N, C-alpha and C. Protein backbone atom coordinates (compact mmCIF):
# COMPACT_ATOMS: atom_id res chain seq x y z
N MET A 1 0.85 -1.17 0.00
CA MET A 1 0.00 0.00 0.00
C MET A 1 0.89 1.23 0.00
N ASN A 2 0.63 2.14 -0.89
CA ASN A 2 1.42 3.36 -1.02
C ASN A 2 0.85 4.45 -0.13
N PRO A 3 1.74 5.22 0.53
CA PRO A 3 1.24 6.33 1.36
C PRO A 3 0.71 7.45 0.48
N PRO A 4 -0.16 8.29 1.03
CA PRO A 4 -0.66 9.44 0.26
C PRO A 4 0.50 10.32 -0.18
N SER A 5 0.29 11.06 -1.24
CA SER A 5 1.36 11.90 -1.78
C SER A 5 1.79 12.94 -0.74
N GLY A 6 3.07 13.22 -0.70
CA GLY A 6 3.61 14.19 0.25
C GLY A 6 4.06 13.55 1.55
N LEU A 7 3.61 12.35 1.86
CA LEU A 7 4.01 11.67 3.08
C LEU A 7 5.02 10.59 2.72
N ARG A 8 6.01 10.42 3.55
CA ARG A 8 7.02 9.40 3.32
C ARG A 8 6.86 8.31 4.37
N PRO A 9 7.25 7.14 4.07
CA PRO A 9 7.18 6.09 5.09
C PRO A 9 8.13 6.42 6.24
N LEU A 10 7.75 6.01 7.44
CA LEU A 10 8.50 6.32 8.65
C LEU A 10 9.93 5.80 8.56
N GLY A 11 10.15 4.66 8.03
CA GLY A 11 11.48 4.09 7.91
C GLY A 11 12.39 4.96 7.07
N ARG A 12 11.86 5.59 6.04
CA ARG A 12 12.66 6.46 5.19
C ARG A 12 13.10 7.72 5.93
N CYS A 13 12.24 8.32 6.80
CA CYS A 13 12.60 9.50 7.60
C CYS A 13 13.72 9.17 8.57
N ASN A 14 13.62 8.01 9.22
CA ASN A 14 14.66 7.60 10.16
C ASN A 14 15.98 7.42 9.44
N ALA A 15 15.93 6.88 8.24
CA ALA A 15 17.16 6.67 7.48
C ALA A 15 17.80 8.01 7.13
N GLU A 16 16.98 9.03 6.79
CA GLU A 16 17.52 10.35 6.46
C GLU A 16 18.15 11.00 7.69
N LEU A 17 17.50 10.85 8.87
CA LEU A 17 18.05 11.43 10.09
C LEU A 17 19.38 10.79 10.45
N GLN A 18 19.46 9.46 10.26
CA GLN A 18 20.68 8.77 10.61
C GLN A 18 21.80 9.04 9.61
N SER A 19 21.44 9.32 8.37
CA SER A 19 22.46 9.54 7.36
C SER A 19 23.08 10.94 7.42
N GLY A 20 22.52 11.86 8.23
CA GLY A 20 23.10 13.19 8.34
C GLY A 20 22.26 14.26 7.69
N ALA A 21 21.25 13.88 6.94
CA ALA A 21 20.41 14.88 6.29
C ALA A 21 19.62 15.68 7.33
N GLY A 22 19.36 15.09 8.49
CA GLY A 22 18.60 15.79 9.53
C GLY A 22 19.49 16.37 10.61
N SER A 23 20.80 16.51 10.36
CA SER A 23 21.69 17.04 11.40
C SER A 23 21.35 18.49 11.75
N SER A 24 20.88 19.26 10.77
CA SER A 24 20.49 20.64 11.09
C SER A 24 19.23 20.66 11.95
N LEU A 25 18.35 19.68 11.75
CA LEU A 25 17.16 19.56 12.57
C LEU A 25 17.55 19.21 14.01
N LYS A 26 18.51 18.30 14.17
CA LYS A 26 18.98 17.94 15.50
C LYS A 26 19.62 19.14 16.20
N ALA A 27 20.41 19.90 15.48
CA ALA A 27 21.06 21.08 16.05
C ALA A 27 20.01 22.11 16.48
N ALA A 28 18.99 22.30 15.66
CA ALA A 28 17.93 23.26 15.99
C ALA A 28 17.18 22.81 17.24
N LEU A 29 16.91 21.50 17.34
CA LEU A 29 16.22 20.99 18.53
C LEU A 29 17.08 21.17 19.78
N ARG A 30 18.38 20.98 19.68
CA ARG A 30 19.27 21.18 20.82
C ARG A 30 19.26 22.64 21.27
N ILE A 31 19.28 23.56 20.31
CA ILE A 31 19.26 24.98 20.64
C ILE A 31 17.96 25.36 21.33
N VAL A 32 16.84 24.87 20.80
CA VAL A 32 15.53 25.16 21.40
C VAL A 32 15.47 24.59 22.81
N LEU A 33 15.95 23.38 23.00
CA LEU A 33 15.95 22.77 24.33
C LEU A 33 16.84 23.57 25.29
N PHE A 34 18.01 23.99 24.84
CA PHE A 34 18.92 24.78 25.67
C PHE A 34 18.27 26.10 26.09
N LEU A 35 17.68 26.81 25.12
CA LEU A 35 17.05 28.10 25.42
C LEU A 35 15.83 27.94 26.31
N THR A 36 15.16 26.80 26.22
CA THR A 36 14.00 26.55 27.07
C THR A 36 14.43 26.28 28.51
N LEU A 37 15.52 25.57 28.71
CA LEU A 37 15.97 25.20 30.04
C LEU A 37 16.83 26.26 30.72
N LEU A 38 17.37 27.21 29.97
CA LEU A 38 18.26 28.23 30.52
C LEU A 38 17.63 29.03 31.67
N PRO A 39 16.39 29.52 31.55
CA PRO A 39 15.81 30.28 32.68
C PRO A 39 15.67 29.45 33.95
N PHE A 40 15.42 28.15 33.81
CA PHE A 40 15.29 27.31 35.00
C PHE A 40 16.63 27.10 35.69
N CYS A 41 17.72 27.10 34.93
CA CYS A 41 19.05 26.97 35.53
C CYS A 41 19.38 28.20 36.36
N ALA A 42 18.90 29.36 35.94
CA ALA A 42 19.18 30.59 36.67
C ALA A 42 18.54 30.58 38.06
N LEU A 43 17.47 29.82 38.24
CA LEU A 43 16.82 29.74 39.54
C LEU A 43 17.72 29.08 40.58
N PHE A 44 18.61 28.21 40.15
CA PHE A 44 19.46 27.48 41.08
C PHE A 44 20.77 28.19 41.39
N LEU A 45 21.06 29.27 40.69
CA LEU A 45 22.28 30.02 40.97
C LEU A 45 22.10 30.81 42.26
N GLU A 46 23.12 30.93 43.04
CA GLU A 46 23.07 31.66 44.30
C GLU A 46 23.15 33.16 44.03
N ALA A 47 22.16 33.90 44.47
CA ALA A 47 22.16 35.35 44.29
C ALA A 47 22.99 35.98 45.41
N ALA A 48 23.49 37.18 45.14
CA ALA A 48 24.25 37.90 46.14
C ALA A 48 23.35 38.27 47.31
N ASP A 49 23.90 38.28 48.51
CA ASP A 49 23.12 38.58 49.69
C ASP A 49 22.66 40.03 49.68
N ALA A 50 23.52 40.92 49.23
CA ALA A 50 23.19 42.34 49.17
C ALA A 50 24.01 42.99 48.07
N LYS A 51 23.51 44.13 47.58
CA LYS A 51 24.22 44.81 46.49
C LYS A 51 23.89 46.29 46.52
N ILE A 52 24.90 47.11 46.28
CA ILE A 52 24.67 48.54 46.06
C ILE A 52 24.65 48.72 44.54
N ILE A 53 23.51 49.13 44.03
CA ILE A 53 23.30 49.18 42.58
C ILE A 53 23.81 50.49 41.99
N LYS A 54 23.50 51.60 42.63
CA LYS A 54 23.82 52.91 42.05
C LYS A 54 24.06 53.92 43.15
N VAL A 55 25.02 54.81 42.93
CA VAL A 55 25.29 55.92 43.85
C VAL A 55 25.31 57.20 43.03
N LEU A 56 24.47 58.15 43.39
CA LEU A 56 24.37 59.43 42.68
C LEU A 56 24.74 60.57 43.63
N PRO A 57 25.92 61.15 43.49
CA PRO A 57 26.27 62.31 44.33
C PRO A 57 25.67 63.59 43.73
N HIS A 58 24.98 64.36 44.57
CA HIS A 58 24.36 65.61 44.13
C HIS A 58 24.70 66.73 45.10
N TYR A 59 25.14 67.86 44.54
CA TYR A 59 25.26 69.06 45.36
C TYR A 59 23.87 69.64 45.53
N LEU A 60 23.62 70.24 46.70
CA LEU A 60 22.35 70.92 46.96
C LEU A 60 22.61 72.41 47.03
N ASP A 61 21.68 73.19 46.48
CA ASP A 61 21.85 74.65 46.50
C ASP A 61 21.42 75.20 47.86
N LEU A 62 21.41 76.51 47.99
CA LEU A 62 21.09 77.15 49.27
C LEU A 62 19.66 76.89 49.72
N GLU A 63 18.79 76.50 48.78
CA GLU A 63 17.41 76.17 49.12
C GLU A 63 17.19 74.67 49.28
N GLY A 64 18.24 73.87 49.18
CA GLY A 64 18.14 72.43 49.36
C GLY A 64 17.75 71.65 48.11
N ARG A 65 17.81 72.29 46.94
CA ARG A 65 17.43 71.63 45.69
C ARG A 65 18.66 71.09 44.98
N HIS A 66 18.49 69.94 44.31
CA HIS A 66 19.57 69.42 43.47
C HIS A 66 19.29 69.64 41.99
N ALA A 67 18.08 70.08 41.67
CA ALA A 67 17.68 70.38 40.30
C ALA A 67 16.58 71.43 40.33
N LEU A 68 16.44 72.14 39.23
CA LEU A 68 15.38 73.15 39.16
C LEU A 68 14.09 72.60 38.58
N SER A 69 14.19 71.46 37.87
CA SER A 69 13.01 70.81 37.31
C SER A 69 13.25 69.29 37.34
N PRO A 70 12.21 68.49 37.11
CA PRO A 70 12.38 67.03 37.18
C PRO A 70 13.17 66.41 36.02
N SER A 71 13.52 67.16 35.03
CA SER A 71 14.23 66.64 33.87
C SER A 71 15.66 66.22 34.24
N LEU A 72 16.08 65.06 33.75
CA LEU A 72 17.45 64.59 34.01
C LEU A 72 18.47 65.51 33.35
N TYR A 73 18.15 66.00 32.18
CA TYR A 73 19.06 66.93 31.49
C TYR A 73 19.23 68.20 32.32
N GLU A 74 18.12 68.73 32.82
CA GLU A 74 18.17 69.95 33.63
C GLU A 74 18.92 69.69 34.94
N ARG A 75 18.73 68.50 35.52
CA ARG A 75 19.46 68.17 36.74
C ARG A 75 20.96 68.19 36.50
N ASP A 76 21.38 67.54 35.42
CA ASP A 76 22.81 67.49 35.11
C ASP A 76 23.38 68.88 34.82
N ALA A 77 22.61 69.70 34.13
CA ALA A 77 23.06 71.06 33.84
C ALA A 77 23.17 71.88 35.13
N TYR A 78 22.20 71.72 36.03
CA TYR A 78 22.23 72.46 37.29
C TYR A 78 23.37 71.97 38.19
N GLN A 79 23.65 70.68 38.16
CA GLN A 79 24.78 70.14 38.93
C GLN A 79 26.09 70.74 38.43
N GLU A 80 26.20 70.95 37.13
CA GLU A 80 27.41 71.57 36.57
C GLU A 80 27.55 73.01 37.07
N VAL A 81 26.43 73.73 37.13
CA VAL A 81 26.45 75.10 37.67
C VAL A 81 26.91 75.08 39.13
N LEU A 82 26.39 74.14 39.92
CA LEU A 82 26.77 74.06 41.33
C LEU A 82 28.23 73.64 41.50
N ARG A 83 28.73 72.77 40.63
CA ARG A 83 30.14 72.37 40.71
C ARG A 83 31.05 73.56 40.47
N LYS A 84 30.66 74.45 39.56
CA LYS A 84 31.49 75.61 39.23
C LYS A 84 31.31 76.78 40.19
N SER A 85 30.26 76.74 41.01
CA SER A 85 29.96 77.86 41.93
C SER A 85 29.83 77.35 43.37
N PRO A 86 30.94 77.17 44.06
CA PRO A 86 30.87 76.64 45.43
C PRO A 86 30.07 77.53 46.39
N GLU A 87 30.01 78.81 46.12
CA GLU A 87 29.26 79.71 47.03
C GLU A 87 27.76 79.46 46.97
N GLN A 88 27.26 78.75 45.94
CA GLN A 88 25.82 78.45 45.83
C GLN A 88 25.47 77.10 46.45
N ARG A 89 26.44 76.34 46.94
CA ARG A 89 26.21 75.01 47.51
C ARG A 89 25.96 75.10 49.01
N SER A 90 25.04 74.26 49.49
CA SER A 90 24.81 74.19 50.93
C SER A 90 25.07 72.80 51.50
N ALA A 91 25.06 71.78 50.64
CA ALA A 91 25.25 70.41 51.13
C ALA A 91 25.58 69.50 49.96
N LEU A 92 25.93 68.28 50.31
CA LEU A 92 26.19 67.22 49.34
C LEU A 92 25.33 66.03 49.75
N ARG A 93 24.52 65.53 48.82
CA ARG A 93 23.64 64.39 49.11
C ARG A 93 23.99 63.24 48.19
N PHE A 94 24.07 62.05 48.75
CA PHE A 94 24.29 60.84 47.98
C PHE A 94 22.99 60.05 47.96
N ASP A 95 22.41 59.87 46.77
CA ASP A 95 21.24 59.02 46.61
C ASP A 95 21.75 57.63 46.24
N ILE A 96 21.42 56.64 47.06
CA ILE A 96 21.98 55.31 46.92
C ILE A 96 20.86 54.30 46.72
N GLN A 97 20.95 53.55 45.61
CA GLN A 97 20.01 52.46 45.36
C GLN A 97 20.70 51.16 45.78
N TRP A 98 20.02 50.39 46.63
CA TRP A 98 20.61 49.17 47.16
C TRP A 98 19.53 48.12 47.32
N LYS A 99 19.96 46.87 47.45
CA LYS A 99 19.02 45.80 47.74
C LYS A 99 19.68 44.80 48.67
N ALA A 100 18.85 44.15 49.48
CA ALA A 100 19.33 43.13 50.41
C ALA A 100 18.39 41.94 50.32
N LYS A 101 18.96 40.76 50.29
CA LYS A 101 18.18 39.54 50.19
C LYS A 101 17.60 39.18 51.54
N GLY A 102 16.43 38.58 51.52
CA GLY A 102 15.81 38.11 52.76
C GLY A 102 14.77 39.09 53.26
N GLY A 103 13.73 38.55 53.90
CA GLY A 103 12.63 39.38 54.37
C GLY A 103 12.72 39.76 55.83
N SER A 104 13.64 39.15 56.57
CA SER A 104 13.71 39.43 58.00
C SER A 104 14.37 40.79 58.25
N PRO A 105 13.90 41.52 59.26
CA PRO A 105 14.55 42.79 59.59
C PRO A 105 15.96 42.54 60.11
N ARG A 106 16.89 43.31 59.60
CA ARG A 106 18.29 43.16 60.00
C ARG A 106 18.82 44.51 60.41
N ASN A 107 19.98 44.50 61.00
CA ASN A 107 20.65 45.71 61.44
C ASN A 107 21.49 46.25 60.29
N LEU A 108 20.85 46.82 59.26
CA LEU A 108 21.55 47.31 58.07
C LEU A 108 21.96 48.77 58.25
N LYS A 109 23.15 49.07 57.73
CA LYS A 109 23.68 50.43 57.84
C LYS A 109 24.40 50.77 56.53
N LEU A 110 24.09 51.94 55.97
CA LEU A 110 24.81 52.47 54.81
C LEU A 110 25.90 53.41 55.30
N ARG A 111 27.08 53.27 54.71
CA ARG A 111 28.20 54.13 55.09
C ARG A 111 28.85 54.70 53.84
N MET A 112 29.09 56.00 53.85
CA MET A 112 29.83 56.68 52.77
C MET A 112 31.16 57.14 53.34
N GLU A 113 32.23 56.80 52.63
CA GLU A 113 33.55 57.29 52.98
C GLU A 113 33.98 58.22 51.87
N LEU A 114 34.38 59.44 52.23
CA LEU A 114 34.67 60.47 51.24
C LEU A 114 36.12 60.92 51.34
N ARG A 115 36.78 60.94 50.21
CA ARG A 115 38.11 61.56 50.12
C ARG A 115 37.91 62.91 49.46
N THR A 116 38.35 63.93 50.15
CA THR A 116 38.14 65.29 49.66
C THR A 116 39.47 65.99 49.50
N SER A 117 39.42 67.18 48.92
CA SER A 117 40.66 67.92 48.67
C SER A 117 41.36 68.34 49.97
N LYS A 118 40.63 68.44 51.07
CA LYS A 118 41.25 68.85 52.33
C LYS A 118 41.64 67.70 53.24
N ASN A 119 41.18 66.48 52.94
CA ASN A 119 41.56 65.34 53.79
C ASN A 119 41.97 64.13 52.97
N TYR A 120 42.51 64.33 51.79
CA TYR A 120 42.81 63.23 50.88
C TYR A 120 43.79 62.23 51.48
N LEU A 121 44.84 62.69 52.09
CA LEU A 121 45.86 61.79 52.64
C LEU A 121 45.53 61.37 54.07
N LEU A 122 44.61 62.07 54.69
CA LEU A 122 44.21 61.74 56.05
C LEU A 122 43.11 60.69 56.02
N LYS A 123 42.53 60.45 57.15
CA LYS A 123 41.42 59.51 57.27
C LYS A 123 40.21 60.06 56.50
N PRO A 124 39.52 59.22 55.71
CA PRO A 124 38.36 59.71 54.94
C PRO A 124 37.23 60.20 55.86
N LEU A 125 36.46 61.14 55.36
CA LEU A 125 35.27 61.61 56.06
C LEU A 125 34.21 60.51 55.96
N VAL A 126 33.60 60.13 57.08
CA VAL A 126 32.65 59.01 57.11
C VAL A 126 31.28 59.54 57.53
N VAL A 127 30.26 59.16 56.74
CA VAL A 127 28.87 59.48 57.04
C VAL A 127 28.10 58.17 56.97
N GLU A 128 27.29 57.88 57.99
CA GLU A 128 26.54 56.63 57.97
C GLU A 128 25.14 56.82 58.49
N GLN A 129 24.28 55.86 58.11
CA GLN A 129 22.88 55.94 58.47
C GLN A 129 22.29 54.54 58.51
N SER A 130 21.45 54.26 59.50
CA SER A 130 20.74 52.99 59.55
C SER A 130 19.64 53.00 58.50
N VAL A 131 19.45 51.86 57.84
CA VAL A 131 18.44 51.76 56.78
C VAL A 131 17.61 50.50 56.99
N ARG A 132 16.41 50.53 56.41
CA ARG A 132 15.53 49.36 56.44
C ARG A 132 15.12 49.01 55.02
N LYS A 133 15.00 47.73 54.77
CA LYS A 133 14.52 47.28 53.48
C LYS A 133 13.02 47.56 53.42
N ARG A 134 12.58 48.30 52.38
CA ARG A 134 11.17 48.68 52.29
C ARG A 134 10.43 47.99 51.16
N ARG A 135 11.14 47.47 50.20
CA ARG A 135 10.49 46.87 49.04
C ARG A 135 11.08 45.49 48.77
N TRP A 136 10.46 44.78 47.86
CA TRP A 136 10.95 43.45 47.50
C TRP A 136 12.24 43.53 46.71
N PHE A 137 12.33 44.50 45.81
CA PHE A 137 13.46 44.52 44.89
C PHE A 137 14.61 45.39 45.39
N SER A 138 14.47 46.69 45.33
CA SER A 138 15.55 47.56 45.78
C SER A 138 14.97 48.76 46.52
N SER A 139 15.84 49.44 47.25
CA SER A 139 15.44 50.61 48.02
C SER A 139 16.38 51.76 47.71
N TRP A 140 15.89 52.98 47.88
CA TRP A 140 16.71 54.18 47.74
C TRP A 140 16.86 54.81 49.12
N SER A 141 18.06 55.24 49.42
CA SER A 141 18.33 55.98 50.66
C SER A 141 19.21 57.17 50.33
N ALA A 142 19.11 58.20 51.15
CA ALA A 142 19.91 59.41 50.92
C ALA A 142 20.79 59.67 52.14
N LEU A 143 22.06 59.89 51.90
CA LEU A 143 23.01 60.29 52.94
C LEU A 143 23.45 61.71 52.64
N ARG A 144 23.49 62.54 53.67
CA ARG A 144 23.74 63.96 53.46
C ARG A 144 24.93 64.44 54.28
N VAL A 145 25.76 65.26 53.63
CA VAL A 145 26.85 65.97 54.31
C VAL A 145 26.48 67.44 54.25
N SER A 146 26.29 68.05 55.41
CA SER A 146 25.86 69.46 55.41
C SER A 146 26.47 70.19 56.60
N GLY A 147 26.16 71.45 56.67
CA GLY A 147 26.60 72.27 57.80
C GLY A 147 28.11 72.46 57.85
N GLU A 148 28.64 72.45 59.06
CA GLU A 148 30.07 72.67 59.29
C GLU A 148 30.91 71.60 58.61
N GLN A 149 30.43 70.38 58.65
CA GLN A 149 31.15 69.26 58.02
C GLN A 149 31.31 69.49 56.51
N PHE A 150 30.26 69.98 55.87
CA PHE A 150 30.32 70.25 54.43
C PHE A 150 31.26 71.43 54.14
N GLN A 151 31.21 72.46 54.95
CA GLN A 151 32.04 73.64 54.73
C GLN A 151 33.53 73.32 54.85
N GLN A 152 33.89 72.36 55.68
CA GLN A 152 35.29 72.05 55.92
C GLN A 152 35.84 70.94 55.03
N MET A 153 35.01 70.26 54.25
CA MET A 153 35.49 69.10 53.51
C MET A 153 36.22 69.43 52.21
N GLY A 154 36.00 70.56 51.60
CA GLY A 154 36.64 70.87 50.33
C GLY A 154 35.92 70.18 49.17
N GLU A 155 36.62 70.00 48.06
CA GLU A 155 36.03 69.37 46.88
C GLU A 155 36.04 67.85 47.02
N LEU A 156 34.99 67.22 46.57
CA LEU A 156 34.89 65.76 46.59
C LEU A 156 35.78 65.19 45.49
N LEU A 157 36.67 64.26 45.86
CA LEU A 157 37.57 63.63 44.89
C LEU A 157 37.20 62.18 44.62
N ALA A 158 36.84 61.43 45.67
CA ALA A 158 36.52 60.02 45.52
C ALA A 158 35.61 59.61 46.66
N TRP A 159 34.86 58.52 46.46
CA TRP A 159 33.95 58.04 47.49
C TRP A 159 33.84 56.52 47.43
N ARG A 160 33.39 55.96 48.53
CA ARG A 160 33.11 54.53 48.61
C ARG A 160 31.85 54.36 49.44
N ALA A 161 30.86 53.65 48.89
CA ALA A 161 29.62 53.35 49.60
C ALA A 161 29.67 51.89 50.03
N THR A 162 29.31 51.63 51.29
CA THR A 162 29.29 50.27 51.79
C THR A 162 27.98 50.02 52.53
N LEU A 163 27.53 48.78 52.48
CA LEU A 163 26.33 48.34 53.19
C LEU A 163 26.78 47.31 54.22
N TRP A 164 26.41 47.53 55.47
CA TRP A 164 26.84 46.68 56.57
C TRP A 164 25.63 46.01 57.21
N ASP A 165 25.80 44.76 57.56
CA ASP A 165 24.81 44.01 58.35
C ASP A 165 25.45 43.76 59.71
N GLY A 166 25.17 44.64 60.65
CA GLY A 166 25.86 44.59 61.94
C GLY A 166 27.31 45.01 61.73
N GLU A 167 28.24 44.12 62.01
CA GLU A 167 29.67 44.39 61.81
C GLU A 167 30.22 43.74 60.55
N LYS A 168 29.34 43.15 59.74
CA LYS A 168 29.77 42.43 58.54
C LYS A 168 29.52 43.28 57.30
N LEU A 169 30.55 43.48 56.49
CA LEU A 169 30.42 44.19 55.22
C LEU A 169 29.74 43.26 54.21
N VAL A 170 28.59 43.69 53.65
CA VAL A 170 27.84 42.82 52.73
C VAL A 170 27.82 43.36 51.30
N ALA A 171 28.11 44.65 51.09
CA ALA A 171 28.12 45.19 49.72
C ALA A 171 28.99 46.44 49.69
N GLU A 172 29.55 46.70 48.50
CA GLU A 172 30.43 47.86 48.33
C GLU A 172 30.31 48.36 46.90
N HIS A 173 30.39 49.69 46.75
CA HIS A 173 30.41 50.33 45.43
C HIS A 173 31.34 51.53 45.55
N ARG A 174 32.33 51.64 44.63
CA ARG A 174 33.34 52.71 44.73
C ARG A 174 33.36 53.58 43.49
N SER A 175 33.79 54.81 43.69
CA SER A 175 34.05 55.67 42.54
C SER A 175 35.34 55.23 41.88
N PHE A 176 35.55 55.67 40.68
CA PHE A 176 36.72 55.26 39.90
C PHE A 176 38.04 55.60 40.59
N LEU A 177 38.09 56.74 41.25
CA LEU A 177 39.34 57.20 41.87
C LEU A 177 39.59 56.67 43.27
N TRP A 178 38.70 55.87 43.81
CA TRP A 178 38.88 55.37 45.16
C TRP A 178 40.07 54.43 45.16
């Protein structure tokens, strides 16, 4: 009995696969299988306990603003004005995006170490603050240097942000010059 037109007998397909004619089909199936299983493999990888994602240093003007409007372009332009005009600055604020694994409340502390033009070779200026995890993914916190401490520090040259769990260092992010 002959198969309908367009269909081949099963034995003939197996012979083509074994002879190498279907090697591209086998390769395609392997790639599809690999791409399908890849996301599941990522679930078994150990994630970092904590991470500092981003640190944004901003000068604040005499009214406590770091920008005149919500635009990122305007913020950057205003920061350039403040960098060139020290008499218009009142403080330095670091906006820090961080995340910590686990849902239990812990004794977390953010610490900024600053090397400035007036204390570069001496001990860095240290500012720290206790923080709490507020969201599932990441949190933003702000550390501020103001008042007499800001007036005496000089120009900011380098910084290092660290996240501490009690006395244990769990995350670090540094500027290029640190």
